[in-house]
PDB file of N, CA and C in Angstrom:
ATOM      1  N   MET A   1     117.592 123.176-124.286  1.00  0.00           N
ATOM      2  CA  MET A   1     117.505 122.077-125.210  1.00  0.00           C
ATOM      3  C   MET A   1     118.463 120.970-124.799  1.00  0.00           C
ATOM      4  N   SER A   2     118.259 119.796-125.363  1.00  0.00           N
ATOM      5  CA  SER A   2     118.970 118.600-124.916  1.00  0.00           C
ATOM      6  C   SER A   2     119.947 118.056-125.947  1.00  0.00           C
ATOM      7  N   ILE A   3     120.876 117.279-125.437  1.00  0.00           N
ATOM      8  CA  ILE A   3     121.832 116.534-126.252  1.00  0.00           C
ATOM      9  C   ILE A   3     121.486 115.061-126.097  1.00  0.00           C
ATOM     10  N   LEU A   4     121.408 114.349-127.217  1.00  0.00           N
ATOM     11  CA  LEU A   4     121.173 112.909-127.194  1.00  0.00           C
ATOM     12  C   LEU A   4     122.467 112.201-127.559  1.00  0.00           C
ATOM     13  N   ILE A   5     122.922 111.338-126.674  1.00  0.00           N
ATOM     14  CA  ILE A   5     124.101 110.513-126.935  1.00  0.00           C
ATOM     15  C   ILE A   5     123.612 109.083-127.117  1.00  0.00           C
ATOM     16  N   THR A   6     123.930 108.501-128.273  1.00  0.00           N
ATOM     17  CA  THR A   6     123.528 107.121-128.519  1.00  0.00           C
ATOM     18  C   THR A   6     124.557 106.177-127.905  1.00  0.00           C
ATOM     19  N   GLY A   7     124.229 104.897-127.907  1.00  0.00           N
ATOM     20  CA  GLY A   7     125.156 103.922-127.324  1.00  0.00           C
ATOM     21  C   GLY A   7     125.175 103.992-125.813  1.00  0.00           C
ATOM     22  N   ALA A   8     124.002 104.163-125.211  1.00  0.00           N
ATOM     23  CA  ALA A   8     123.889 104.392-123.769  1.00  0.00           C
ATOM     24  C   ALA A   8     124.525 103.311-122.908  1.00  0.00           C
ATOM     25  N   LEU A   9     124.656 102.123-123.442  1.00  0.00           N
ATOM     26  CA  LEU A   9     125.226 101.033-122.648  1.00  0.00           C
ATOM     27  C   LEU A   9     126.746 101.045-122.620  1.00  0.00           C
ATOM     28  N   SER A  10     127.351 101.924-123.406  1.00  0.00           N
ATOM     29  CA  SER A  10     128.816 101.968-123.473  1.00  0.00           C
ATOM     30  C   SER A  10     129.407 102.933-122.445  1.00  0.00           C
ATOM     31  N   ALA A  11     130.629 102.638-122.053  1.00  0.00           N
ATOM     32  CA  ALA A  11     131.345 103.540-121.144  1.00  0.00           C
ATOM     33  C   ALA A  11     131.590 104.887-121.815  1.00  0.00           C
ATOM     34  N   LYS A  12     131.826 104.873-123.126  1.00  0.00           N
ATOM     35  CA  LYS A  12     132.084 106.111-123.880  1.00  0.00           C
ATOM     36  C   LYS A  12     130.904 107.076-123.755  1.00  0.00           C
ATOM     37  N   ALA A  13     129.680 106.569-123.802  1.00  0.00           N
ATOM     38  CA  ALA A  13     128.499 107.427-123.675  1.00  0.00           C
ATOM     39  C   ALA A  13     128.495 108.143-122.329  1.00  0.00           C
ATOM     40  N   HIS A  14     128.841 107.428-121.287  1.00  0.00           N
ATOM     41  CA  HIS A  14     128.848 108.026-119.949  1.00  0.00           C
ATOM     42  C   HIS A  14     130.011 109.004-119.780  1.00  0.00           C
ATOM     43  N   GLN A  15     131.135 108.726-120.429  1.00  0.00           N
ATOM     44  CA  GLN A  15     132.259 109.670-120.416  1.00  0.00           C
ATOM     45  C   GLN A  15     131.869 110.966-121.122  1.00  0.00           C
ATOM     46  N   LEU A  16     131.225 110.844-122.271  1.00  0.00           N
ATOM     47  CA  LEU A  16     130.791 112.039-123.007  1.00  0.00           C
ATOM     48  C   LEU A  16     129.774 112.841-122.204  1.00  0.00           C
ATOM     49  N   LYS A  17     128.856 112.134-121.556  1.00  0.00           N
ATOM     50  CA  LYS A  17     127.825 112.815-120.766  1.00  0.00           C
ATOM     51  C   LYS A  17     128.451 113.728-119.715  1.00  0.00           C
ATOM     52  N   GLN A  18     129.536 113.282-119.104  1.00  0.00           N
ATOM     53  CA  GLN A  18     130.198 114.069-118.065  1.00  0.00           C
ATOM     54  C   GLN A  18     130.791 115.371-118.595  1.00  0.00           C
ATOM     55  N   GLN A  19     131.033 115.455-119.898  1.00  0.00           N
ATOM     56  CA  GLN A  19     131.612 116.662-120.495  1.00  0.00           C
ATOM     57  C   GLN A  19     130.599 117.791-120.654  1.00  0.00           C
ATOM     58  N   PHE A  20     129.314 117.466-120.579  1.00  0.00           N
ATOM     59  CA  PHE A  20     128.271 118.461-120.820  1.00  0.00           C
ATOM     60  C   PHE A  20     127.548 118.801-119.522  1.00  0.00           C
ATOM     61  N   THR A  21     128.256 119.445-118.621  1.00  0.00           N
ATOM     62  CA  THR A  21     127.690 119.756-117.314  1.00  0.00           C
ATOM     63  C   THR A  21     126.651 120.868-117.355  1.00  0.00           C
ATOM     64  N   ASP A  22     126.674 121.689-118.404  1.00  0.00           N
ATOM     65  CA  ASP A  22     125.732 122.806-118.477  1.00  0.00           C
ATOM     66  C   ASP A  22     124.570 122.526-119.423  1.00  0.00           C
ATOM     67  N   SER A  23     124.397 121.281-119.843  1.00  0.00           N
ATOM     68  CA  SER A  23     123.320 120.908-120.758  1.00  0.00           C
ATOM     69  C   SER A  23     122.587 119.688-120.226  1.00  0.00           C
ATOM     70  N   GLU A  24     121.325 119.565-120.617  1.00  0.00           N
ATOM     71  CA  GLU A  24     120.592 118.338-120.314  1.00  0.00           C
ATOM     72  C   GLU A  24     121.039 117.285-121.317  1.00  0.00           C
ATOM     73  N   VAL A  25     121.460 116.154-120.827  1.00  0.00           N
ATOM     74  CA  VAL A  25     121.957 115.082-121.694  1.00  0.00           C
ATOM     75  C   VAL A  25     121.069 113.858-121.532  1.00  0.00           C
ATOM     76  N   LEU A  26     120.602 113.354-122.665  1.00  0.00           N
ATOM     77  CA  LEU A  26     119.818 112.130-122.701  1.00  0.00           C
ATOM     78  C   LEU A  26     120.683 111.026-123.294  1.00  0.00           C
ATOM     79  N   LEU A  27     120.593 109.846-122.722  1.00  0.00           N
ATOM     80  CA  LEU A  27     121.292 108.685-123.258  1.00  0.00           C
ATOM     81  C   LEU A  27     120.262 107.757-123.882  1.00  0.00           C
ATOM     82  N   GLY A  28     120.586 107.221-125.038  1.00  0.00           N
ATOM     83  CA  GLY A  28     119.678 106.300-125.711  1.00  0.00           C
ATOM     84  C   GLY A  28     120.443 105.180-126.379  1.00  0.00           C
ATOM     85  N   ASP A  29     119.748 104.074-126.611  1.00  0.00           N
ATOM     86  CA  ASP A  29     120.393 102.928-127.252  1.00  0.00           C
ATOM     87  C   ASP A  29     119.333 102.089-127.952  1.00  0.00           C
ATOM     88  N   PHE A  30     119.738 101.441-129.054  1.00  0.00           N
ATOM     89  CA  PHE A  30     118.830 100.522-129.729  1.00  0.00           C
ATOM     90  C   PHE A  30     118.995  99.101-129.191  1.00  0.00           C
ATOM     91  N   GLU A  31     120.044  98.868-128.434  1.00  0.00           N
ATOM     92  CA  GLU A  31     120.237  97.567-127.788  1.00  0.00           C
ATOM     93  C   GLU A  31     119.258  97.452-126.618  1.00  0.00           C
ATOM     94  N   GLU A  32     119.113  96.248-126.111  1.00  0.00           N
ATOM     95  CA  GLU A  32     118.204  96.006-124.994  1.00  0.00           C
ATOM     96  C   GLU A  32     118.667  96.795-123.769  1.00  0.00           C
ATOM     97  N   LEU A  33     117.766  97.591-123.217  1.00  0.00           N
ATOM     98  CA  LEU A  33     118.067  98.416-122.046  1.00  0.00           C
ATOM     99  C   LEU A  33     117.338  97.872-120.829  1.00  0.00           C
ATOM    100  N   PRO A  34     117.887  98.072-119.646  1.00  0.00           N
ATOM    101  CA  PRO A  34     117.153  97.683-118.434  1.00  0.00           C
ATOM    102  C   PRO A  34     115.830  98.450-118.380  1.00  0.00           C
ATOM    103  N   ILE A  35     114.738  97.734-118.210  1.00  0.00           N
ATOM    104  CA  ILE A  35     113.404  98.338-118.264  1.00  0.00           C
ATOM    105  C   ILE A  35     113.245  99.460-117.236  1.00  0.00           C
ATOM    106  N   PHE A  36     113.854  99.303-116.058  1.00  0.00           N
ATOM    107  CA  PHE A  36     113.714 100.340-115.036  1.00  0.00           C
ATOM    108  C   PHE A  36     114.389 101.643-115.455  1.00  0.00           C
ATOM    109  N   MET A  37     115.450 101.563-116.268  1.00  0.00           N
ATOM    110  CA  MET A  37     116.125 102.775-116.746  1.00  0.00           C
ATOM    111  C   MET A  37     115.256 103.510-117.764  1.00  0.00           C
ATOM    112  N   VAL A  38     114.572 102.763-118.604  1.00  0.00           N
ATOM    113  CA  VAL A  38     113.688 103.371-119.605  1.00  0.00           C
ATOM    114  C   VAL A  38     112.469 103.964-118.911  1.00  0.00           C
ATOM    115  N   GLN A  39     111.860 103.209-118.008  1.00  0.00           N
ATOM    116  CA  GLN A  39     110.665 103.678-117.311  1.00  0.00           C
ATOM    117  C   GLN A  39     110.945 104.898-116.444  1.00  0.00           C
ATOM    118  N   SER A  40     112.141 104.987-115.898  1.00  0.00           N
ATOM    119  CA  SER A  40     112.479 106.132-115.046  1.00  0.00           C
ATOM    120  C   SER A  40     112.824 107.373-115.870  1.00  0.00           C
ATOM    121  N   GLY A  41     112.973 107.194-117.187  1.00  0.00           N
ATOM    122  CA  GLY A  41     113.307 108.323-118.050  1.00  0.00           C
ATOM    123  C   GLY A  41     114.794 108.606-118.123  1.00  0.00           C
ATOM    124  N   LYS A  42     115.608 107.757-117.520  1.00  0.00           N
ATOM    125  CA  LYS A  42     117.055 107.979-117.536  1.00  0.00           C
ATOM    126  C   LYS A  42     117.686 107.591-118.863  1.00  0.00           C
ATOM    127  N   MET A  43     117.011 106.703-119.610  1.00  0.00           N
ATOM    128  CA  MET A  43     117.506 106.289-120.924  1.00  0.00           C
ATOM    129  C   MET A  43     116.336 106.187-121.891  1.00  0.00           C
ATOM    130  N   LEU A  44     116.641 106.398-123.165  1.00  0.00           N
ATOM    131  CA  LEU A  44     115.630 106.296-124.210  1.00  0.00           C
ATOM    132  C   LEU A  44     115.877 105.055-125.050  1.00  0.00           C
ATOM    133  N   LYS A  45     114.811 104.351-125.367  1.00  0.00           N
ATOM    134  CA  LYS A  45     114.906 103.214-126.289  1.00  0.00           C
ATOM    135  C   LYS A  45     114.875 103.792-127.700  1.00  0.00           C
ATOM    136  N   LEU A  46     115.943 103.569-128.449  1.00  0.00           N
ATOM    137  CA  LEU A  46     116.059 104.088-129.810  1.00  0.00           C
ATOM    138  C   LEU A  46     115.747 102.989-130.817  1.00  0.00           C
ATOM    139  N   PRO A  47     115.344 103.375-132.024  1.00  0.00           N
ATOM    140  CA  PRO A  47     115.090 102.373-133.063  1.00  0.00           C
ATOM    141  C   PRO A  47     116.399 101.751-133.548  1.00  0.00           C
ATOM    142  N   ALA A  48     116.309 100.533-134.034  1.00  0.00           N
ATOM    143  CA  ALA A  48     117.487  99.859-134.597  1.00  0.00           C
ATOM    144  C   ALA A  48     117.823 100.482-135.942  1.00  0.00           C
ATOM    145  N   PRO A  49     119.090 100.676-136.228  1.00  0.00           N
ATOM    146  CA  PRO A  49     119.488 101.260-137.512  1.00  0.00           C
ATOM    147  C   PRO A  49     118.979 100.471-138.719  1.00  0.00           C
ATOM    148  N   LYS A  50     118.721  99.187-138.553  1.00  0.00           N
ATOM    149  CA  LYS A  50     118.232  98.380-139.669  1.00  0.00           C
ATOM    150  C   LYS A  50     116.746  98.609-139.958  1.00  0.00           C
ATOM    151  N   SER A  51     116.057  99.340-139.089  1.00  0.00           N
ATOM    152  CA  SER A  51     114.641  99.638-139.283  1.00  0.00           C
ATOM    153  C   SER A  51     114.444 100.537-140.500  1.00  0.00           C
ATOM    154  N   ALA A  52     113.451 100.213-141.317  1.00  0.00           N
ATOM    155  CA  ALA A  52     113.155 101.015-142.508  1.00  0.00           C
ATOM    156  C   ALA A  52     112.740 102.436-142.129  1.00  0.00           C
ATOM    157  N   ALA A  53     112.179 102.601-140.951  1.00  0.00           N
ATOM    158  CA  ALA A  53     111.705 103.913-140.506  1.00  0.00           C
ATOM    159  C   ALA A  53     112.686 104.580-139.542  1.00  0.00           C
ATOM    160  N   TYR A  54     113.932 104.138-139.538  1.00  0.00           N
ATOM    161  CA  TYR A  54     114.919 104.623-138.569  1.00  0.00           C
ATOM    162  C   TYR A  54     114.996 106.150-138.510  1.00  0.00           C
ATOM    163  N   LEU A  55     115.184 106.794-139.651  1.00  0.00           N
ATOM    164  CA  LEU A  55     115.351 108.256-139.656  1.00  0.00           C
ATOM    165  C   LEU A  55     114.101 108.960-139.153  1.00  0.00           C
ATOM    166  N   HIS A  56     112.936 108.499-139.578  1.00  0.00           N
ATOM    167  CA  HIS A  56     111.680 109.106-139.125  1.00  0.00           C
ATOM    168  C   HIS A  56     111.525 108.944-137.611  1.00  0.00           C
ATOM    169  N   GLU A  57     111.822 107.754-137.112  1.00  0.00           N
ATOM    170  CA  GLU A  57     111.690 107.499-135.678  1.00  0.00           C
ATOM    171  C   GLU A  57     112.688 108.321-134.870  1.00  0.00           C
ATOM    172  N   MET A  58     113.910 108.437-135.358  1.00  0.00           N
ATOM    173  CA  MET A  58     114.917 109.246-134.657  1.00  0.00           C
ATOM    174  C   MET A  58     114.526 110.721-134.644  1.00  0.00           C
ATOM    175  N   LEU A  59     114.019 111.213-135.775  1.00  0.00           N
ATOM    176  CA  LEU A  59     113.583 112.611-135.824  1.00  0.00           C
ATOM    177  C   LEU A  59     112.450 112.836-134.826  1.00  0.00           C
ATOM    178  N   ALA A  60     111.498 111.921-134.769  1.00  0.00           N
ATOM    179  CA  ALA A  60     110.382 112.048-133.830  1.00  0.00           C
ATOM    180  C   ALA A  60     110.877 112.053-132.385  1.00  0.00           C
ATOM    181  N   ILE A  61     111.817 111.180-132.058  1.00  0.00           N
ATOM    182  CA  ILE A  61     112.378 111.135-130.698  1.00  0.00           C
ATOM    183  C   ILE A  61     113.057 112.460-130.364  1.00  0.00           C
ATOM    184  N   CYS A  62     113.822 112.984-131.307  1.00  0.00           N
ATOM    185  CA  CYS A  62     114.512 114.260-131.082  1.00  0.00           C
ATOM    186  C   CYS A  62     113.516 115.392-130.852  1.00  0.00           C
ATOM    187  N   LEU A  63     112.495 115.460-131.685  1.00  0.00           N
ATOM    188  CA  LEU A  63     111.502 116.529-131.549  1.00  0.00           C
ATOM    189  C   LEU A  63     110.702 116.381-130.258  1.00  0.00           C
ATOM    190  N   ASP A  64     110.321 115.163-129.916  1.00  0.00           N
ATOM    191  CA  ASP A  64     109.542 114.922-128.697  1.00  0.00           C
ATOM    192  C   ASP A  64     110.317 115.259-127.426  1.00  0.00           C
ATOM    193  N   ASN A  65     111.640 115.171-127.486  1.00  0.00           N
ATOM    194  CA  ASN A  65     112.470 115.378-126.293  1.00  0.00           C
ATOM    195  C   ASN A  65     113.279 116.669-126.323  1.00  0.00           C
ATOM    196  N   GLY A  66     113.014 117.543-127.288  1.00  0.00           N
ATOM    197  CA  GLY A  66     113.718 118.824-127.354  1.00  0.00           C
ATOM    198  C   GLY A  66     115.200 118.692-127.635  1.00  0.00           C
ATOM    199  N   VAL A  67     115.582 117.662-128.381  1.00  0.00           N
ATOM    200  CA  VAL A  67     116.992 117.419-128.689  1.00  0.00           C
ATOM    201  C   VAL A  67     117.450 118.351-129.806  1.00  0.00           C
ATOM    202  N   THR A  68     118.569 119.029-129.588  1.00  0.00           N
ATOM    203  CA  THR A  68     119.137 119.915-130.608  1.00  0.00           C
ATOM    204  C   THR A  68     120.488 119.423-131.111  1.00  0.00           C
ATOM    205  N   ARG A  69     120.976 118.348-130.499  1.00  0.00           N
ATOM    206  CA  ARG A  69     122.286 117.820-130.886  1.00  0.00           C
ATOM    207  C   ARG A  69     122.302 116.318-130.627  1.00  0.00           C
ATOM    208  N   VAL A  70     122.721 115.554-131.638  1.00  0.00           N
ATOM    209  CA  VAL A  70     122.830 114.103-131.502  1.00  0.00           C
ATOM    210  C   VAL A  70     124.287 113.710-131.679  1.00  0.00           C
ATOM    211  N   LEU A  71     124.821 113.008-130.697  1.00  0.00           N
ATOM    212  CA  LEU A  71     126.171 112.447-130.786  1.00  0.00           C
ATOM    213  C   LEU A  71     126.009 110.945-130.993  1.00  0.00           C
ATOM    214  N   ALA A  72     126.256 110.497-132.213  1.00  0.00           N
ATOM    215  CA  ALA A  72     126.083 109.087-132.559  1.00  0.00           C
ATOM    216  C   ALA A  72     127.374 108.324-132.296  1.00  0.00           C
ATOM    217  N   LEU A  73     127.322 107.376-131.384  1.00  0.00           N
ATOM    218  CA  LEU A  73     128.504 106.588-131.045  1.00  0.00           C
ATOM    219  C   LEU A  73     128.665 105.366-131.938  1.00  0.00           C
ATOM    220  N   ASN A  74     127.596 104.933-132.544  1.00  0.00           N
ATOM    221  CA  ASN A  74     127.630 103.769-133.421  1.00  0.00           C
ATOM    222  C   ASN A  74     127.869 104.237-134.853  1.00  0.00           C
ATOM    223  N   VAL A  75     128.825 103.627-135.540  1.00  0.00           N
ATOM    224  CA  VAL A  75     129.182 104.032-136.902  1.00  0.00           C
ATOM    225  C   VAL A  75     127.983 103.932-137.832  1.00  0.00           C
ATOM    226  N   GLN A  76     127.231 102.838-137.731  1.00  0.00           N
ATOM    227  CA  GLN A  76     126.068 102.654-138.600  1.00  0.00           C
ATOM    228  C   GLN A  76     125.016 103.736-138.341  1.00  0.00           C
ATOM    229  N   GLU A  77     124.792 104.077-137.081  1.00  0.00           N
ATOM    230  CA  GLU A  77     123.843 105.143-136.757  1.00  0.00           C
ATOM    231  C   GLU A  77     124.298 106.460-137.375  1.00  0.00           C
ATOM    232  N   PHE A  78     125.576 106.775-137.215  1.00  0.00           N
ATOM    233  CA  PHE A  78     126.077 108.038-137.756  1.00  0.00           C
ATOM    234  C   PHE A  78     125.950 108.077-139.271  1.00  0.00           C
ATOM    235  N   GLN A  79     126.264 106.988-139.944  1.00  0.00           N
ATOM    236  CA  GLN A  79     126.163 106.967-141.403  1.00  0.00           C
ATOM    237  C   GLN A  79     124.736 107.236-141.861  1.00  0.00           C
ATOM    238  N   LEU A  80     123.770 106.608-141.219  1.00  0.00           N
ATOM    239  CA  LEU A  80     122.368 106.826-141.580  1.00  0.00           C
ATOM    240  C   LEU A  80     121.927 108.254-141.271  1.00  0.00           C
ATOM    241  N   LEU A  81     122.269 108.737-140.089  1.00  0.00           N
ATOM    242  CA  LEU A  81     121.871 110.089-139.700  1.00  0.00           C
ATOM    243  C   LEU A  81     122.532 111.143-140.578  1.00  0.00           C
ATOM    244  N   SER A  82     123.770 110.911-140.969  1.00  0.00           N
ATOM    245  CA  SER A  82     124.469 111.900-141.795  1.00  0.00           C
ATOM    246  C   SER A  82     123.858 112.009-143.189  1.00  0.00           C
ATOM    247  N   GLU A  83     123.190 110.947-143.647  1.00  0.00           N
ATOM    248  CA  GLU A  83     122.492 111.005-144.932  1.00  0.00           C
ATOM    249  C   GLU A  83     121.293 111.951-144.874  1.00  0.00           C
ATOM    250  N   ALA A  84     120.787 112.189-143.673  1.00  0.00           N
ATOM    251  CA  ALA A  84     119.618 113.044-143.505  1.00  0.00           C
ATOM    252  C   ALA A  84     119.954 114.313-142.731  1.00  0.00           C
ATOM    253  N   VAL A  85     121.218 114.719-142.770  1.00  0.00           N
ATOM    254  CA  VAL A  85     121.649 115.880-141.988  1.00  0.00           C
ATOM    255  C   VAL A  85     120.866 117.137-142.373  1.00  0.00           C
ATOM    256  N   GLN A  86     120.514 117.284-143.636  1.00  0.00           N
ATOM    257  CA  GLN A  86     119.754 118.460-144.059  1.00  0.00           C
ATOM    258  C   GLN A  86     118.360 118.465-143.429  1.00  0.00           C
ATOM    259  N   LEU A  87     117.721 117.304-143.386  1.00  0.00           N
ATOM    260  CA  LEU A  87     116.402 117.202-142.760  1.00  0.00           C
ATOM    261  C   LEU A  87     116.477 117.575-141.286  1.00  0.00           C
ATOM    262  N   PHE A  88     117.420 117.000-140.567  1.00  0.00           N
ATOM    263  CA  PHE A  88     117.554 117.292-139.143  1.00  0.00           C
ATOM    264  C   PHE A  88     117.913 118.766-138.930  1.00  0.00           C
ATOM    265  N   ASP A  89     118.746 119.301-139.805  1.00  0.00           N
ATOM    266  CA  ASP A  89     119.148 120.705-139.710  1.00  0.00           C
ATOM    267  C   ASP A  89     117.953 121.640-139.845  1.00  0.00           C
ATOM    268  N   GLU A  90     116.981 121.266-140.666  1.00  0.00           N
ATOM    269  CA  GLU A  90     115.772 122.083-140.821  1.00  0.00           C
ATOM    270  C   GLU A  90     115.014 122.225-139.506  1.00  0.00           C
ATOM    271  N   TYR A  91     115.190 121.271-138.621  1.00  0.00           N
ATOM    272  CA  TYR A  91     114.539 121.304-137.311  1.00  0.00           C
ATOM    273  C   TYR A  91     115.496 121.773-136.215  1.00  0.00           C
ATOM    274  N   GLY A  92     116.661 122.264-136.609  1.00  0.00           N
ATOM    275  CA  GLY A  92     117.623 122.782-135.641  1.00  0.00           C
ATOM    276  C   GLY A  92     118.358 121.707-134.865  1.00  0.00           C
ATOM    277  N   ILE A  93     118.517 120.534-135.474  1.00  0.00           N
ATOM    278  CA  ILE A  93     119.174 119.411-134.808  1.00  0.00           C
ATOM    279  C   ILE A  93     120.495 119.119-135.510  1.00  0.00           C
ATOM    280  N   GLN A  94     121.586 119.196-134.751  1.00  0.00           N
ATOM    281  CA  GLN A  94     122.921 118.898-135.284  1.00  0.00           C
ATOM    282  C   GLN A  94     123.215 117.412-135.120  1.00  0.00           C
ATOM    283  N   ILE A  95     123.779 116.818-136.156  1.00  0.00           N
ATOM    284  CA  ILE A  95     124.209 115.423-136.104  1.00  0.00           C
ATOM    285  C   ILE A  95     125.729 115.417-136.049  1.00  0.00           C
ATOM    286  N   GLU A  96     126.287 114.757-135.038  1.00  0.00           N
ATOM    287  CA  GLU A  96     127.739 114.715-134.878  1.00  0.00           C
ATOM    288  C   GLU A  96     128.212 113.298-134.618  1.00  0.00           C
ATOM    289  N   ARG A  97     129.422 113.041-135.030  1.00  0.00           N
ATOM    290  CA  ARG A  97     130.047 111.747-134.791  1.00  0.00           C
ATOM    291  C   ARG A  97     130.615 111.760-133.378  1.00  0.00           C
ATOM    292  N   GLY A  98     130.273 110.763-132.608  1.00  0.00           N
ATOM    293  CA  GLY A  98     130.762 110.702-131.235  1.00  0.00           C
ATOM    294  C   GLY A  98     131.690 109.543-130.983  1.00  0.00           C
ATOM    295  N   TYR A  99     132.122 108.872-132.039  1.00  0.00           N
ATOM    296  CA  TYR A  99     132.905 107.655-131.848  1.00  0.00           C
ATOM    297  C   TYR A  99     134.377 107.812-132.146  1.00  0.00           C
ATOM    298  N   ASP A 100     134.878 109.000-132.361  1.00  0.00           N
ATOM    299  CA  ASP A 100     136.316 109.187-132.567  1.00  0.00           C
ATOM    300  C   ASP A 100     137.070 108.719-131.334  1.00  0.00           C
ATOM    301  N   GLY A 101     138.162 108.079-131.554  1.00  0.00           N
ATOM    302  CA  GLY A 101     138.998 107.642-130.446  1.00  0.00           C
ATOM    303  C   GLY A 101     138.547 106.367-129.781  1.00  0.00           C
ATOM    304  N   LEU A 102     137.552 105.698-130.353  1.00  0.00           N
ATOM    305  CA  LEU A 102     137.106 104.431-129.764  1.00  0.00           C
ATOM    306  C   LEU A 102     138.033 103.316-130.152  1.00  0.00           C
TER     307      LEU A 102
END
């Protein structure tokens, strides 16, 4: 199973990715990503937290990509995801804050 780290354009996301050498790590961001990175599958385009369907879209992305753990680097993303932690937990997906120490 995979780990999804949000904030793919940040240095912190790449630092965190290096800590998980024994897991598949996906990087995603709601900010504009280089199209070649998305097309190559190296990064995922995530929905903007302001989207009314944000939680539904994030859950779908997690399920489609076998994600079992989400490390949210953006405070707004974490706040929204933490409101639905029970829903994600029902699908075996852990929501964690990844922005400590920023």
